[in-house]
Amino acid sequence: MKRVVLPVLVILTMLVSLAMPAAAAAPNVRTSGPSPFAPGCSAAAGATSVNYLNAEVEPFLAADPARPGHLVAVWQQDRWNDGGANGLLARRSVDGGHTWQDTVNPPFSHCAGGNARNGGDYERASDPWVTFAPNGDAYYISLSFNATNATNAILVSKSRDGGHQWGPIRTLIRDTDPANFNDKESITADPTDSQRVYAVWDRSFRDANGGRHQPPFFARTTNGAASFEPARPIFDAGAGTSTIGNIVNVLPDGTLIDSFDLNFGRGQRNVALVRSTDHGVTWDAQPTFVDQHGTIGVIDPRDGTPVRTGDILPSFAVDPRPGHRNVYAVWQDARFSSGQSDQIAFSRSRDGGLTWSPAVRISAPGTVQAFNPAISVDRDGQLAVSYYDFTFDTVASPELETDLWVTRSTDGGRTFTRRERVTPSSFDMRAAPVVGARGLFIGDYTGLVDGRTVDAEYVATTGDPANLTDTFDGRTAAGPREAAPPQQPQATVRPVRSRLLGPDTAY
């Protein structure tokens, strides 16, 4: 069915983050440790391949609704410069993130014990995501692939004990044709039904006429992962178009929203979504457009070195309270700086994603680059948004000073608090792994859970050449914060230039 988006001025004033905190954040908890993978465990090295042993990137985080204080964090372990990692790792906490325990990880790759018999016969793994069902079952998804040939797959494992041990691998899709690639998957357990779980990703392929498509593919289980229905496309804008960053969110009435970046080419990027009112059986024939996606990417301001970020990955969240239809979106956008630097845009819908408010900036004003936004909504409807930026970077500094921040809203996104610094001190982005021409890399996304505390799972560099990065759990206390001065919504404008490199891929 067609959805029509009407311009709705529902936000009259917005509050942005301006002030620095009075003191640095409390010490955060290191989530990761030394790599458990044996040196040389992957034979996936090419002539120009570089493996960053002990380097962790791209974390995600989920909270168990059945057990307060139980968290599972996942990330890429031992990142390669030309895509993916030696494997994915998960650790769990049973005390709200204060301490972390090893888990029996699924064998999503050779280094993690994968082989043809157990379904993990792949050289590398990437794009980890984790979710909890209402009954406490956890689901963990991987993009697993080979660097020496075209084989790639989307794999899922389930845990019945809160993420301590993970069960057999389920293969949702597997491709061996060099023309086909599955990328940037996510998985969402239905908060209204513990038996329903939804996986979504983009799949790049050519049609019979040679046209390149990159639509969202979808697979679901209705029996708690005893089986998954065959993967299938749920929306296709036609040859030459692409989606990336597909994530399913579930409204309290059971409506599914799959959000993504929709690229028509020639700089025509959009933040968009499709909806399903029958648990994923059928989907909208036409997308709903939230806004233009005016990202230009992020660079080192000193020398122009690219910093690979989640510039083409919008983040959505829904209000979980029964009877509410609030949906929220954040993404990187350069419109607030006349196309000079990416900052964090925010928009909200009060009708289940059908219409959207004008975008406003919720990161610090000026020209400071901000990136990798994540958004979460707690059971009381309060919002938290996290993002990185270069606030403390100066021309005189030999390092690219980088920090993670959180800002919150207690009134459905009408106003936001002064931001809080999560990182105890700045870290040097210049010490991050380098991923080819796409630059310095700590991940395309972070994890964020908003509950009694706001938990952010993030990556920071360490200054140790033998262990470039680690993952950390940073927490800020729940409760009201001082509001920041108001700012008017910004009109949609196209960026002046684009620094985006390469195709729409995120592996």
Protein backbone atom coordinates (compact mmCIF):
# COMPACT_ATOMS: atom_id res chain seq x y z
CA MET A 1 0.00 0.00 0.00
CA LYS A 2 1.17 3.54 -0.65
CA ARG A 3 2.12 5.82 2.21
CA VAL A 4 2.03 9.59 1.80
CA VAL A 5 4.30 11.70 3.99
CA LEU A 6 2.95 15.15 4.82
CA PRO A 7 5.18 17.94 6.19
CA VAL A 8 4.18 18.28 9.83
CA LEU A 9 5.60 21.04 12.04
CA VAL A 10 5.24 19.22 15.29
CA ILE A 11 8.50 20.47 16.76
CA LEU A 12 8.47 24.20 17.50
CA THR A 13 11.66 24.36 19.49
CA MET A 14 14.45 21.85 19.97
CA LEU A 15 17.19 21.82 22.55
CA VAL A 16 20.72 21.08 21.49
CA SER A 17 23.81 20.07 23.42
CA LEU A 18 26.06 23.05 24.05
CA ALA A 19 27.82 22.92 27.40
CA MET A 20 30.70 20.76 28.49
CA PRO A 21 30.14 18.65 31.62
CA ALA A 22 31.46 19.95 34.92
CA ALA A 23 33.73 16.93 35.25
CA ALA A 24 34.88 13.99 33.15
CA ALA A 25 32.78 10.85 33.10
CA ALA A 26 33.36 8.11 35.64
CA PRO A 27 35.82 5.37 34.60
CA ASN A 28 34.20 3.02 32.12
CA VAL A 29 34.42 -0.76 32.16
CA ARG A 30 36.58 -2.51 29.59
CA THR A 31 34.42 -5.18 27.96
CA SER A 32 36.97 -6.86 25.70
CA GLY A 33 40.28 -8.56 26.38
CA PRO A 34 43.10 -10.20 24.45
CA SER A 35 42.05 -12.06 21.34
CA PRO A 36 41.18 -15.71 22.02
CA PHE A 37 41.93 -16.63 18.41
CA ALA A 38 45.14 -18.44 17.55
CA PRO A 39 47.66 -16.49 15.44
CA GLY A 40 47.28 -17.45 11.79
CA CYS A 41 43.90 -19.09 12.40
CA SER A 42 42.59 -17.56 9.16
CA ALA A 43 44.12 -18.28 5.77
CA ALA A 44 42.16 -15.39 4.29
CA ALA A 45 45.09 -13.03 3.67
CA GLY A 46 45.56 -11.45 0.28
CA ALA A 47 48.64 -9.69 -1.04
CA THR A 48 47.63 -6.42 0.60
CA SER A 49 45.70 -7.82 3.58
CA VAL A 50 46.57 -6.62 7.08
CA ASN A 51 45.12 -8.17 10.21
CA TYR A 52 44.93 -6.05 13.35
CA LEU A 53 45.38 -8.68 16.04
CA ASN A 54 43.60 -7.78 19.31
CA ALA A 55 41.72 -4.91 17.64
CA GLU A 56 38.01 -4.82 18.42
CA VAL A 57 35.59 -2.71 16.36
CA GLU A 58 31.86 -2.25 15.77
CA PRO A 59 30.14 -3.25 19.01
CA PHE A 60 26.46 -3.73 19.73
CA LEU A 61 24.55 -4.22 22.99
CA ALA A 62 21.26 -5.77 24.10
CA ALA A 63 19.48 -5.92 27.47
CA ASP A 64 17.48 -8.92 28.69
CA PRO A 65 13.90 -7.85 29.53
CA ALA A 66 13.40 -11.02 31.56
CA ARG A 67 16.42 -10.45 33.85
CA PRO A 68 17.18 -6.89 34.98
CA GLY A 69 20.87 -6.07 34.76
CA HIS A 70 21.65 -8.80 32.21
CA LEU A 71 23.44 -7.47 29.12
CA VAL A 72 25.14 -9.03 26.09
CA ALA A 73 27.75 -7.13 24.08
CA VAL A 74 29.08 -8.29 20.71
CA TRP A 75 31.84 -6.99 18.41
CA GLN A 76 34.28 -7.81 15.61
CA GLN A 77 37.51 -9.35 16.89
CA ASP A 78 40.85 -8.96 15.02
CA ARG A 79 39.70 -6.67 12.21
CA TRP A 80 41.11 -6.97 8.68
CA ASN A 81 41.92 -3.89 6.61
CA ASP A 82 40.03 -5.23 3.59
CA GLY A 83 36.80 -6.32 5.25
CA GLY A 84 35.51 -8.30 8.21
CA ALA A 85 37.37 -9.82 11.13
CA ASN A 86 38.79 -13.15 12.23
CA GLY A 87 35.55 -13.67 14.14
CA LEU A 88 32.82 -12.22 16.30
CA LEU A 89 32.85 -12.31 20.08
CA ALA A 90 30.14 -11.93 22.72
CA ARG A 91 30.48 -11.30 26.46
CA ARG A 92 27.73 -10.91 29.00
CA SER A 93 27.14 -9.04 32.24
CA VAL A 94 24.73 -10.02 35.02
CA ASP A 95 25.29 -6.88 37.12
CA GLY A 96 24.32 -4.07 34.79
CA GLY A 97 27.69 -3.78 33.05
CA HIS A 98 29.97 -3.56 36.09
CA THR A 99 31.67 -6.88 35.28
CA TRP A 100 31.75 -9.03 32.14
CA GLN A 101 31.99 -12.77 31.57
CA ASP A 102 33.16 -14.87 28.63
CA THR A 103 30.56 -16.80 26.68
CA VAL A 104 30.69 -19.96 24.57
CA ASN A 105 30.63 -18.15 21.24
CA PRO A 106 28.98 -19.52 18.10
CA PRO A 107 31.46 -20.68 15.43
CA PHE A 108 30.63 -18.01 12.86
CA SER A 109 34.13 -18.29 11.27
CA HIS A 110 37.11 -20.63 11.04
CA CYS A 111 38.95 -18.82 13.84
CA ALA A 112 35.95 -19.30 16.12
CA GLY A 113 35.82 -23.04 15.33
CA GLY A 114 33.59 -22.91 12.27
CA ASN A 115 33.67 -25.67 9.68
CA ALA A 116 31.44 -27.28 7.08
CA ARG A 117 29.86 -29.58 9.63
CA ASN A 118 28.70 -26.91 12.10
CA GLY A 119 27.73 -24.30 9.50
CA GLY A 120 30.58 -21.89 10.18
CA ASP A 121 32.83 -22.70 7.22
CA TYR A 122 33.85 -19.09 6.52
CA GLU A 123 37.13 -17.20 6.65
CA ARG A 124 35.81 -13.98 8.16
CA ALA A 125 32.82 -12.53 10.01
CA SER A 126 31.40 -9.03 10.32
CA ASP A 127 28.50 -6.78 11.35
CA PRO A 128 27.52 -8.41 14.69
CA TRP A 129 24.05 -7.76 16.12
CA VAL A 130 22.23 -9.20 19.13
CA THR A 131 18.67 -9.06 20.48
CA PHE A 132 16.64 -10.45 23.39
CA ALA A 133 13.14 -11.91 23.24
CA PRO A 134 10.68 -11.16 26.07
CA ASN A 135 11.31 -14.62 27.58
CA GLY A 136 15.07 -14.03 27.82
CA ASP A 137 16.15 -15.98 24.74
CA ALA A 138 18.96 -14.18 22.90
CA TYR A 139 19.66 -14.16 19.16
CA TYR A 140 23.05 -13.38 17.60
CA ILE A 141 23.54 -12.73 13.87
CA SER A 142 26.62 -12.59 11.64
CA LEU A 143 27.62 -11.74 8.11
CA SER A 144 30.13 -14.51 7.41
CA PHE A 145 32.13 -14.66 4.18
CA ASN A 146 35.31 -15.73 2.44
CA ALA A 147 38.03 -13.40 1.28
CA THR A 148 39.49 -15.95 -1.14
CA ASN A 149 36.23 -16.55 -3.03
CA ALA A 150 32.73 -15.09 -3.33
CA THR A 151 30.96 -17.25 -0.72
CA ASN A 152 28.98 -15.23 1.82
CA ALA A 153 26.09 -15.92 4.19
CA ILE A 154 23.87 -14.60 6.96
CA LEU A 155 24.03 -16.83 10.05
CA VAL A 156 22.04 -16.88 13.32
CA SER A 157 22.61 -18.55 16.68
CA LYS A 158 20.27 -18.68 19.68
CA SER A 159 20.99 -18.74 23.42
CA ARG A 160 18.49 -20.08 25.96
CA ASP A 161 20.51 -19.01 29.01
CA GLY A 162 20.89 -15.27 28.60
CA GLY A 163 23.88 -15.36 26.28
CA HIS A 164 26.20 -17.69 28.21
CA GLN A 165 26.07 -20.50 25.66
CA TRP A 166 24.98 -20.27 22.04
CA GLY A 167 23.21 -22.99 20.09
CA PRO A 168 23.61 -24.38 16.58
CA ILE A 169 24.00 -22.06 13.61
CA ARG A 170 21.05 -21.42 11.31
CA THR A 171 21.90 -20.31 7.77
CA LEU A 172 19.37 -17.75 6.51
CA ILE A 173 20.94 -17.25 3.08
CA ARG A 174 24.14 -18.34 1.34
CA ASP A 175 25.53 -17.05 -1.96
CA THR A 176 28.49 -18.24 -4.01
CA ASP A 177 27.94 -16.15 -7.16
CA PRO A 178 30.41 -13.21 -7.33
CA ALA A 179 27.50 -11.00 -8.46
CA ASN A 180 25.64 -11.53 -5.17
CA PHE A 181 26.55 -10.21 -1.74
CA ASN A 182 24.63 -10.01 1.54
CA ASP A 183 25.54 -7.13 3.82
CA LYS A 184 24.75 -5.16 6.99
CA GLU A 185 22.34 -7.52 8.68
CA SER A 186 20.43 -6.97 11.91
CA ILE A 187 18.10 -9.10 14.01
CA THR A 188 15.12 -8.08 16.16
CA ALA A 189 13.11 -10.20 18.58
CA ASP A 190 9.44 -9.22 18.66
CA PRO A 191 8.79 -7.64 22.09
CA THR A 192 5.13 -8.70 21.82
CA ASP A 193 5.77 -12.41 21.05
CA SER A 194 8.80 -14.45 22.14
CA GLN A 195 8.38 -16.87 19.24
CA ARG A 196 8.77 -14.23 16.52
CA VAL A 197 12.20 -12.99 15.47
CA TYR A 198 13.00 -10.93 12.38
CA ALA A 199 16.28 -10.75 10.44
CA VAL A 200 16.87 -8.19 7.69
CA TRP A 201 19.80 -7.16 5.50
CA ASP A 202 20.56 -5.82 2.03
CA ARG A 203 21.43 -8.18 -0.83
CA SER A 204 23.23 -6.96 -3.92
CA PHE A 205 22.53 -8.85 -7.16
CA ARG A 206 22.00 -8.41 -10.90
CA ASP A 207 18.69 -9.09 -12.63
CA ALA A 208 18.25 -10.87 -15.95
CA ASN A 209 18.81 -7.59 -17.80
CA GLY A 210 22.04 -6.81 -15.97
CA GLY A 211 20.52 -4.20 -13.67
CA ARG A 212 22.08 -3.93 -10.22
CA HIS A 213 19.66 -4.13 -7.27
CA GLN A 214 20.31 -3.87 -3.53
CA PRO A 215 16.94 -4.33 -1.80
CA PRO A 216 16.23 -5.42 1.77
CA PHE A 217 15.98 -9.18 2.27
CA PHE A 218 13.99 -10.56 5.19
CA ALA A 219 13.71 -13.86 7.05
CA ARG A 220 11.62 -14.58 10.12
CA THR A 221 10.91 -17.33 12.58
CA THR A 222 7.54 -17.81 14.24
CA ASN A 223 8.63 -20.74 16.39
CA GLY A 224 11.58 -19.44 18.39
CA ALA A 225 14.19 -20.33 15.73
CA ALA A 226 13.19 -23.97 15.41
CA SER A 227 13.10 -22.93 11.75
CA PHE A 228 13.29 -19.76 9.67
CA GLU A 229 11.16 -19.02 6.65
CA PRO A 230 13.06 -18.66 3.34
CA ALA A 231 14.76 -15.31 2.84
CA ARG A 232 13.03 -12.99 0.38
CA PRO A 233 13.07 -9.36 -0.76
CA ILE A 234 10.42 -7.19 0.88
CA PHE A 235 10.87 -4.02 -1.17
CA ASP A 236 12.76 -3.07 -4.34
CA ALA A 237 13.03 0.46 -5.72
CA GLY A 238 14.36 -0.86 -9.03
CA ALA A 239 17.61 -1.35 -10.90
CA GLY A 240 20.37 1.05 -9.92
CA THR A 241 18.97 1.66 -6.44
CA SER A 242 20.26 0.39 -3.12
CA THR A 243 19.32 0.12 0.52
CA ILE A 244 21.67 -0.28 3.44
CA GLY A 245 21.34 -0.21 7.22
CA ASN A 246 18.11 -2.20 7.38
CA ILE A 247 16.81 -2.59 10.94
CA VAL A 248 13.39 -3.83 12.06
CA ASN A 249 11.65 -2.11 14.98
CA VAL A 250 8.32 -3.28 16.40
CA LEU A 251 5.57 -0.93 17.56
CA PRO A 252 3.50 -1.91 20.63
CA ASP A 253 0.59 -2.89 18.33
CA GLY A 254 2.85 -5.37 16.48
CA THR A 255 3.47 -3.23 13.37
CA LEU A 256 6.94 -3.78 11.93
CA ILE A 257 9.07 -0.91 10.59
CA ASP A 258 12.11 -1.69 8.45
CA SER A 259 14.25 1.46 8.24
CA PHE A 260 17.17 2.06 5.89
CA ASP A 261 19.14 4.45 3.73
CA LEU A 262 17.60 4.44 0.23
CA ASN A 263 20.01 5.52 -2.50
CA PHE A 264 18.71 6.43 -5.95
CA GLY A 265 22.19 7.42 -7.16
CA ARG A 266 23.44 10.84 -8.28
CA GLY A 267 23.55 11.99 -4.66
CA GLN A 268 19.87 11.23 -4.03
CA ARG A 269 20.06 9.54 -0.64
CA ASN A 270 17.06 9.29 1.66
CA VAL A 271 16.23 8.11 5.16
CA ALA A 272 13.27 5.83 4.51
CA LEU A 273 11.21 2.89 5.75
CA VAL A 274 8.58 0.31 4.86
CA ARG A 275 5.94 -1.08 7.24
CA SER A 276 4.21 -4.39 7.79
CA THR A 277 0.99 -4.80 9.76
CA ASP A 278 0.94 -8.62 9.61
CA HIS A 279 4.26 -9.52 11.29
CA GLY A 280 6.24 -9.43 8.06
CA VAL A 281 3.99 -11.43 5.73
CA THR A 282 3.37 -8.38 3.51
CA TRP A 283 5.05 -4.99 3.32
CA ASP A 284 4.36 -1.56 1.87
CA ALA A 285 4.73 -1.42 -1.90
CA GLN A 286 6.15 2.10 -1.65
CA PRO A 287 8.52 3.51 0.97
CA THR A 288 7.81 6.29 3.44
CA PHE A 289 10.46 9.02 3.20
CA VAL A 290 11.57 10.49 6.50
CA ASP A 291 13.93 13.05 4.94
CA GLN A 292 16.84 13.49 2.58
CA HIS A 293 20.06 11.97 3.86
CA GLY A 294 22.62 14.75 3.49
CA THR A 295 25.77 13.04 4.74
CA ILE A 296 29.17 13.91 3.29
CA GLY A 297 31.24 11.58 5.47
CA VAL A 298 33.88 12.35 8.10
CA ILE A 299 37.55 13.26 7.73
CA ASP A 300 40.55 14.00 9.90
CA PRO A 301 40.35 17.82 9.94
CA ARG A 302 44.15 18.07 9.95
CA ASP A 303 45.00 16.30 6.69
CA GLY A 304 41.72 15.09 5.16
CA THR A 305 42.31 11.39 5.91
CA PRO A 306 38.92 9.63 5.70
CA VAL A 307 37.33 8.38 8.90
CA ARG A 308 35.00 5.52 8.07
CA THR A 309 31.77 5.95 10.03
CA GLY A 310 28.11 4.95 9.88
CA ASP A 311 27.41 7.89 7.59
CA ILE A 312 24.90 5.90 5.52
CA LEU A 313 23.33 4.04 8.45
CA PRO A 314 20.34 5.78 10.09
CA SER A 315 19.26 4.59 13.54
CA PHE A 316 15.60 4.23 14.59
CA ALA A 317 13.82 3.43 17.86
CA VAL A 318 10.19 3.11 18.95
CA ASP A 319 8.33 3.99 22.13
CA PRO A 320 7.57 0.62 23.80
CA ARG A 321 4.65 1.83 25.92
CA PRO A 322 1.29 0.22 25.04
CA GLY A 323 -0.94 2.54 23.05
CA HIS A 324 1.92 4.73 21.85
CA ARG A 325 2.95 5.13 18.21
CA ASN A 326 6.07 7.26 18.60
CA VAL A 327 9.02 6.48 16.32
CA TYR A 328 12.34 8.32 16.38
CA ALA A 329 15.22 8.56 13.90
CA VAL A 330 18.77 9.92 13.99
CA TRP A 331 21.38 10.08 11.24
CA GLN A 332 24.49 11.92 10.07
CA ASP A 333 23.74 15.04 8.03
CA ALA A 334 25.68 18.10 6.85
CA ARG A 335 22.71 20.46 6.34
CA PHE A 336 23.29 22.25 9.64
CA SER A 337 26.76 23.44 8.60
CA SER A 338 25.96 24.46 5.01
CA GLY A 339 27.33 21.17 3.80
CA GLN A 340 30.69 21.44 5.55
CA SER A 341 30.54 18.77 8.27
CA ASP A 342 28.35 15.86 9.34
CA GLN A 343 26.36 16.37 12.53
CA ILE A 344 23.49 14.47 14.13
CA ALA A 345 19.98 15.00 12.75
CA PHE A 346 16.83 13.98 14.63
CA SER A 347 13.23 13.53 13.50
CA ARG A 348 10.17 12.01 15.14
CA SER A 349 6.86 10.49 14.12
CA ARG A 350 3.76 10.38 16.33
CA ASP A 351 1.68 8.16 14.01
CA GLY A 352 3.72 4.97 13.71
CA GLY A 353 6.14 6.23 11.07
CA LEU A 354 3.64 7.60 8.55
CA THR A 355 4.59 11.30 8.87
CA TRP A 356 7.72 12.93 10.24
CA SER A 357 8.79 16.21 11.79
CA PRO A 358 11.40 18.50 10.20
CA ALA A 359 14.93 17.44 11.04
CA VAL A 360 16.79 19.26 13.80
CA ARG A 361 20.37 19.04 15.00
CA ILE A 362 20.90 17.45 18.43
CA SER A 363 24.71 17.38 18.41
CA ALA A 364 26.79 20.41 19.37
CA PRO A 365 26.45 23.42 17.04
CA GLY A 366 29.20 24.86 14.89
CA THR A 367 31.31 22.83 12.49
CA VAL A 368 32.50 20.01 14.79
CA GLN A 369 32.00 16.68 12.98
CA ALA A 370 29.70 14.22 14.79
CA PHE A 371 29.08 10.64 13.77
CA ASN A 372 27.81 7.12 14.54
CA PRO A 373 24.56 8.10 16.28
CA ALA A 374 22.55 5.49 18.17
CA ILE A 375 19.11 5.97 19.70
CA SER A 376 17.21 4.04 22.36
CA VAL A 377 13.89 4.46 24.20
CA ASP A 378 13.26 3.08 27.68
CA ARG A 379 10.05 1.60 29.09
CA ASP A 380 8.94 5.05 30.31
CA GLY A 381 9.29 6.56 26.83
CA GLN A 382 12.48 8.49 27.59
CA LEU A 383 15.00 8.85 24.77
CA ALA A 384 18.78 8.58 24.78
CA VAL A 385 21.02 9.39 21.82
CA SER A 386 24.76 8.72 21.73
CA TYR A 387 27.33 9.89 19.20
CA TYR A 388 31.06 10.52 18.74
CA ASP A 389 32.59 13.88 17.89
CA PHE A 390 35.86 15.85 17.84
CA THR A 391 34.93 18.55 20.37
CA PHE A 392 38.32 18.60 22.10
CA ASP A 393 40.47 18.32 18.98
CA THR A 394 42.72 21.30 18.36
CA VAL A 395 45.18 22.26 15.65
CA ALA A 396 48.00 22.02 18.17
CA SER A 397 47.17 18.44 19.20
CA PRO A 398 49.17 15.61 17.62
CA GLU A 399 46.15 13.36 18.20
CA LEU A 400 42.63 13.40 16.75
CA GLU A 401 40.83 13.84 20.08
CA THR A 402 37.58 11.85 19.99
CA ASP A 403 34.80 11.42 22.57
CA LEU A 404 31.44 9.72 22.99
CA TRP A 405 28.46 11.75 24.24
CA VAL A 406 24.88 11.09 25.33
CA THR A 407 21.93 13.48 25.22
CA ARG A 408 18.44 12.64 26.45
CA SER A 409 14.81 13.66 26.15
CA THR A 410 12.04 13.13 28.67
CA ASP A 411 9.29 14.68 26.53
CA GLY A 412 9.24 12.56 23.38
CA GLY A 413 11.96 14.42 21.52
CA ARG A 414 10.56 17.94 21.85
CA THR A 415 13.53 18.99 23.95
CA PHE A 416 16.92 17.47 24.72
CA THR A 417 19.25 17.81 27.71
CA ARG A 418 22.73 19.20 27.77
CA ARG A 419 24.92 16.35 26.63
CA GLU A 420 26.95 14.16 28.97
CA ARG A 421 30.44 12.96 28.20
CA VAL A 422 30.72 9.17 28.35
CA THR A 423 34.42 8.76 27.63
CA PRO A 424 36.53 9.55 30.73
CA SER A 425 39.10 11.21 28.45
CA SER A 426 39.53 11.72 24.74
CA PHE A 427 41.05 8.95 22.63
CA ASP A 428 43.11 9.30 19.47
CA MET A 429 41.21 8.35 16.32
CA ARG A 430 44.49 8.44 14.39
CA ALA A 431 45.54 5.28 16.26
CA ALA A 432 42.55 3.29 14.91
CA PRO A 433 42.82 0.45 12.37
CA VAL A 434 42.84 1.57 8.75
CA VAL A 435 40.37 -0.05 6.35
CA GLY A 436 41.75 0.53 2.89
CA ALA A 437 40.80 3.76 1.13
CA ARG A 438 37.86 4.22 3.50
CA GLY A 439 40.12 5.31 6.31
CA LEU A 440 40.37 5.13 10.09
CA PHE A 441 37.84 2.71 11.55
CA ILE A 442 36.36 1.89 14.94
CA GLY A 443 33.02 0.69 13.55
CA ASP A 444 29.92 1.78 11.68
CA TYR A 445 27.75 1.71 14.81
CA THR A 446 27.70 1.42 18.60
CA GLY A 447 25.36 -0.18 21.12
CA LEU A 448 22.97 1.77 23.35
CA VAL A 449 20.50 0.60 26.00
CA ASP A 450 18.34 3.05 27.97
CA GLY A 451 16.99 1.76 31.28
CA ARG A 452 17.77 2.48 34.92
CA THR A 453 21.09 3.68 33.52
CA VAL A 454 22.04 4.56 29.97
CA ASP A 455 24.55 1.93 28.81
CA ALA A 456 26.67 2.72 25.77
CA GLU A 457 28.87 0.00 24.28
CA TYR A 458 31.62 1.71 22.29
CA VAL A 459 35.16 1.39 20.96
CA ALA A 460 38.15 3.55 21.86
CA THR A 461 41.78 3.38 20.85
CA THR A 462 44.32 2.38 23.52
CA GLY A 463 47.66 3.79 22.40
CA ASP A 464 49.12 0.26 22.37
CA PRO A 465 50.37 -0.78 18.88
CA ALA A 466 49.81 -4.44 19.79
CA ASN A 467 46.21 -3.79 20.87
CA LEU A 468 44.92 -0.80 18.92
CA THR A 469 41.35 -0.75 20.26
CA ASP A 470 39.13 -2.13 23.00
CA THR A 471 35.40 -2.13 23.65
CA PHE A 472 34.02 -0.36 26.71
CA ASP A 473 30.73 -0.12 28.57
CA GLY A 474 30.00 3.45 29.62
CA ARG A 475 27.10 4.36 31.87
CA THR A 476 25.32 7.55 32.81
CA ALA A 477 22.71 7.74 35.56
CA ALA A 478 19.04 7.93 34.60
CA GLY A 479 16.88 10.91 35.52
CA PRO A 480 16.25 14.48 34.37
CA ARG A 481 19.09 16.74 33.26
CA GLU A 482 19.42 20.44 32.63
CA ALA A 483 17.90 21.47 29.34
CA ALA A 484 19.96 23.18 26.66
CA PRO A 485 19.04 26.41 24.84
CA PRO A 486 16.49 26.05 22.01
CA GLN A 487 17.13 25.91 18.31
CA GLN A 488 14.71 26.16 15.38
CA PRO A 489 14.31 23.26 12.92
CA GLN A 490 16.48 23.41 9.82
CA ALA A 491 15.10 23.18 6.29
CA THR A 492 16.18 20.29 4.12
CA VAL A 493 19.23 21.24 2.06
CA ARG A 494 21.56 19.23 -0.09
CA PRO A 495 25.22 19.03 0.92
CA VAL A 496 27.72 21.15 -0.96
CA ARG A 497 30.06 18.26 -1.61
CA SER A 498 30.41 14.59 -0.80
CA ARG A 499 33.38 12.72 0.58
CA LEU A 500 31.67 9.32 0.53
CA LEU A 501 33.93 6.64 -0.91
CA GLY A 502 33.08 3.41 -2.68
CA PRO A 503 29.83 1.45 -2.98
CA ASP A 504 27.15 1.09 -0.33
CA THR A 505 28.81 -1.61 1.72
CA ALA A 506 29.41 -1.91 5.45
CA TYR A 507 31.19 -5.25 5.97
